[in-house]
Amino acid sequence: MTEQIERRLEELKAEFEAGRALLADLEARRSRVRSSMLRIGGAIRVLEELLGRAPEVGSHEASGGVAREG
């Protein structure tokens, strides 16, 4: 009986450790995805702002001004 309990205890400890490792991996992946999404969101915002300013740049060039490239 004691052997069975010890064996089950070891199985549960192994499962617990596997779960802990999986959770740590998932948390790291979540952090990387969140960071990527923040960068992508920032890039989207910049591009949307540039598109919103496109007519101003075009009219500035038409009036003889120098347009900045970027």
N, C-alpha and C. Protein backbone atom coordinates (compact mmCIF):
# COMPACT_ATOMS: atom_id res chain seq x y z
N MET A 1 0.83 -1.20 0.00
CA MET A 1 0.00 0.00 0.00
C MET A 1 0.87 1.26 0.00
N THR A 2 1.90 1.27 0.82
CA THR A 2 2.78 2.43 0.90
C THR A 2 3.49 2.66 -0.44
N GLU A 3 3.87 1.59 -1.11
CA GLU A 3 4.53 1.73 -2.42
C GLU A 3 3.61 2.40 -3.43
N GLN A 4 2.35 2.02 -3.40
CA GLN A 4 1.38 2.62 -4.33
C GLN A 4 1.23 4.12 -4.06
N ILE A 5 1.17 4.48 -2.79
CA ILE A 5 1.03 5.89 -2.42
C ILE A 5 2.27 6.67 -2.85
N GLU A 6 3.44 6.11 -2.62
CA GLU A 6 4.67 6.79 -3.01
C GLU A 6 4.77 6.95 -4.53
N ARG A 7 4.37 5.90 -5.25
CA ARG A 7 4.39 5.95 -6.71
C ARG A 7 3.43 7.04 -7.21
N ARG A 8 2.23 7.07 -6.61
CA ARG A 8 1.24 8.08 -7.02
C ARG A 8 1.74 9.48 -6.68
N LEU A 9 2.39 9.63 -5.55
CA LEU A 9 2.95 10.91 -5.15
C LEU A 9 3.98 11.38 -6.17
N GLU A 10 4.83 10.51 -6.61
CA GLU A 10 5.85 10.85 -7.61
C GLU A 10 5.20 11.22 -8.94
N GLU A 11 4.15 10.49 -9.32
CA GLU A 11 3.43 10.81 -10.56
C GLU A 11 2.83 12.21 -10.49
N LEU A 12 2.21 12.50 -9.35
CA LEU A 12 1.58 13.81 -9.18
C LEU A 12 2.62 14.93 -9.18
N LYS A 13 3.75 14.70 -8.54
CA LYS A 13 4.82 15.70 -8.53
C LYS A 13 5.33 15.96 -9.95
N ALA A 14 5.47 14.88 -10.74
CA ALA A 14 5.92 15.02 -12.13
C ALA A 14 4.89 15.80 -12.94
N GLU A 15 3.60 15.50 -12.76
CA GLU A 15 2.55 16.23 -13.47
C GLU A 15 2.54 17.70 -13.07
N PHE A 16 2.73 17.94 -11.78
CA PHE A 16 2.75 19.31 -11.27
C PHE A 16 3.90 20.09 -11.89
N GLU A 17 5.07 19.49 -11.95
CA GLU A 17 6.25 20.14 -12.53
C GLU A 17 6.05 20.40 -14.02
N ALA A 18 5.45 19.44 -14.72
CA ALA A 18 5.17 19.63 -16.15
C ALA A 18 4.19 20.79 -16.34
N GLY A 19 3.19 20.87 -15.50
CA GLY A 19 2.22 21.97 -15.56
C GLY A 19 2.87 23.31 -15.27
N ARG A 20 3.76 23.33 -14.29
CA ARG A 20 4.47 24.56 -13.94
C ARG A 20 5.33 25.03 -15.11
N ALA A 21 6.03 24.10 -15.74
CA ALA A 21 6.88 24.44 -16.88
C ALA A 21 6.04 24.94 -18.06
N LEU A 22 4.91 24.31 -18.30
CA LEU A 22 4.02 24.74 -19.38
C LEU A 22 3.48 26.13 -19.11
N LEU A 23 3.08 26.38 -17.88
CA LEU A 23 2.56 27.69 -17.52
C LEU A 23 3.64 28.78 -17.70
N ALA A 24 4.86 28.49 -17.30
CA ALA A 24 5.95 29.45 -17.48
C ALA A 24 6.18 29.74 -18.96
N ASP A 25 6.12 28.69 -19.78
CA ASP A 25 6.29 28.88 -21.23
C ASP A 25 5.16 29.73 -21.80
N LEU A 26 3.92 29.44 -21.39
CA LEU A 26 2.78 30.20 -21.89
C LEU A 26 2.86 31.67 -21.47
N GLU A 27 3.29 31.93 -20.25
CA GLU A 27 3.42 33.31 -19.79
C GLU A 27 4.49 34.05 -20.58
N ALA A 28 5.59 33.37 -20.89
CA ALA A 28 6.64 33.99 -21.70
C ALA A 28 6.13 34.28 -23.11
N ARG A 29 5.41 33.33 -23.68
CA ARG A 29 4.85 33.53 -25.03
C ARG A 29 3.84 34.67 -25.03
N ARG A 30 3.02 34.75 -23.98
CA ARG A 30 2.03 35.82 -23.86
C ARG A 30 2.73 37.18 -23.83
N SER A 31 3.80 37.25 -23.07
CA SER A 31 4.55 38.49 -22.98
C SER A 31 5.13 38.90 -24.33
N ARG A 32 5.69 37.93 -25.07
CA ARG A 32 6.25 38.24 -26.40
C ARG A 32 5.17 38.68 -27.37
N VAL A 33 4.01 38.01 -27.33
CA VAL A 33 2.92 38.38 -28.23
C VAL A 33 2.40 39.78 -27.88
N ARG A 34 2.26 40.06 -26.61
CA ARG A 34 1.79 41.39 -26.18
C ARG A 34 2.75 42.47 -26.64
N SER A 35 4.04 42.23 -26.48
CA SER A 35 5.05 43.19 -26.92
C SER A 35 4.98 43.41 -28.43
N SER A 36 4.83 42.33 -29.17
CA SER A 36 4.71 42.44 -30.63
C SER A 36 3.47 43.24 -31.02
N MET A 37 2.37 42.97 -30.34
CA MET A 37 1.13 43.68 -30.65
C MET A 37 1.26 45.17 -30.34
N LEU A 38 1.96 45.53 -29.28
CA LEU A 38 2.17 46.94 -28.97
C LEU A 38 3.00 47.62 -30.06
N ARG A 39 4.04 46.94 -30.53
CA ARG A 39 4.86 47.51 -31.61
C ARG A 39 4.06 47.64 -32.89
N ILE A 40 3.29 46.62 -33.22
CA ILE A 40 2.47 46.65 -34.43
C ILE A 40 1.42 47.75 -34.33
N GLY A 41 0.80 47.87 -33.17
CA GLY A 41 -0.20 48.92 -32.96
C GLY A 41 0.40 50.31 -33.13
N GLY A 42 1.62 50.49 -32.62
CA GLY A 42 2.30 51.77 -32.80
C GLY A 42 2.59 52.05 -34.26
N ALA A 43 3.03 51.04 -34.98
CA ALA A 43 3.32 51.20 -36.41
C ALA A 43 2.04 51.52 -37.18
N ILE A 44 0.94 50.88 -36.82
CA ILE A 44 -0.34 51.16 -37.46
C ILE A 44 -0.72 52.62 -37.23
N ARG A 45 -0.57 53.08 -36.00
CA ARG A 45 -0.93 54.46 -35.67
C ARG A 45 -0.09 55.44 -36.48
N VAL A 46 1.21 55.18 -36.57
CA VAL A 46 2.09 56.06 -37.34
C VAL A 46 1.67 56.10 -38.81
N LEU A 47 1.43 54.93 -39.39
CA LEU A 47 1.04 54.88 -40.80
C LEU A 47 -0.31 55.56 -41.03
N GLU A 48 -1.25 55.38 -40.09
CA GLU A 48 -2.54 56.06 -40.23
C GLU A 48 -2.37 57.57 -40.16
N GLU A 49 -1.49 58.03 -39.27
CA GLU A 49 -1.24 59.46 -39.19
C GLU A 49 -0.59 59.98 -40.46
N LEU A 50 0.35 59.20 -41.01
CA LEU A 50 0.98 59.61 -42.26
C LEU A 50 -0.04 59.68 -43.39
N LEU A 51 -0.94 58.73 -43.45
CA LEU A 51 -1.98 58.76 -44.48
C LEU A 51 -2.90 59.97 -44.28
N GLY A 52 -3.17 60.31 -43.05
CA GLY A 52 -4.00 61.46 -42.76
C GLY A 52 -3.33 62.76 -43.16
N ARG A 53 -2.01 62.81 -43.17
CA ARG A 53 -1.26 64.01 -43.53
C ARG A 53 -0.87 64.04 -45.00
N ALA A 54 -1.13 62.95 -45.73
CA ALA A 54 -0.72 62.87 -47.13
C ALA A 54 -1.19 64.06 -47.96
N PRO A 55 -2.45 64.51 -47.84
CA PRO A 55 -2.86 65.67 -48.64
C PRO A 55 -2.08 66.93 -48.30
N GLU A 56 -1.70 67.12 -47.03
CA GLU A 56 -0.92 68.29 -46.64
C GLU A 56 0.45 68.26 -47.31
N VAL A 57 1.09 67.10 -47.32
CA VAL A 57 2.40 66.98 -47.94
C VAL A 57 2.29 67.27 -49.43
N GLY A 58 1.27 66.73 -50.08
CA GLY A 58 1.06 66.96 -51.51
C GLY A 58 0.82 68.42 -51.79
N SER A 59 0.01 69.11 -50.98
CA SER A 59 -0.27 70.52 -51.24
C SER A 59 0.96 71.36 -50.92
N HIS A 60 1.77 70.92 -49.96
CA HIS A 60 3.00 71.63 -49.64
C HIS A 60 3.98 71.56 -50.81
N GLU A 61 4.09 70.40 -51.41
CA GLU A 61 4.97 70.23 -52.57
C GLU A 61 4.46 71.07 -53.74
N ALA A 62 3.14 71.10 -53.93
CA ALA A 62 2.58 71.84 -55.03
C ALA A 62 2.83 73.34 -54.89
N SER A 63 2.95 73.83 -53.64
CA SER A 63 3.15 75.26 -53.43
C SER A 63 4.64 75.61 -53.47
N GLY A 64 5.49 74.65 -53.83
CA GLY A 64 6.91 74.94 -53.97
C GLY A 64 7.74 74.63 -52.74
N GLY A 65 7.13 74.09 -51.71
CA GLY A 65 7.87 73.77 -50.51
C GLY A 65 8.62 72.46 -50.67
N VAL A 66 9.50 72.20 -49.75
CA VAL A 66 10.29 70.98 -49.78
C VAL A 66 9.63 69.98 -48.84
N ALA A 67 9.37 68.81 -49.37
CA ALA A 67 8.75 67.75 -48.57
C ALA A 67 9.84 66.91 -47.92
N ARG A 68 9.59 66.50 -46.68
CA ARG A 68 10.52 65.63 -45.99
C ARG A 68 10.23 64.19 -46.37
N GLU A 69 11.29 63.42 -46.63
CA GLU A 69 11.11 62.00 -46.88
C GLU A 69 11.24 61.25 -45.58
N GLY A 70 10.56 60.14 -45.46
CA GLY A 70 10.69 59.40 -44.22
C GLY A 70 9.96 58.17 -44.31
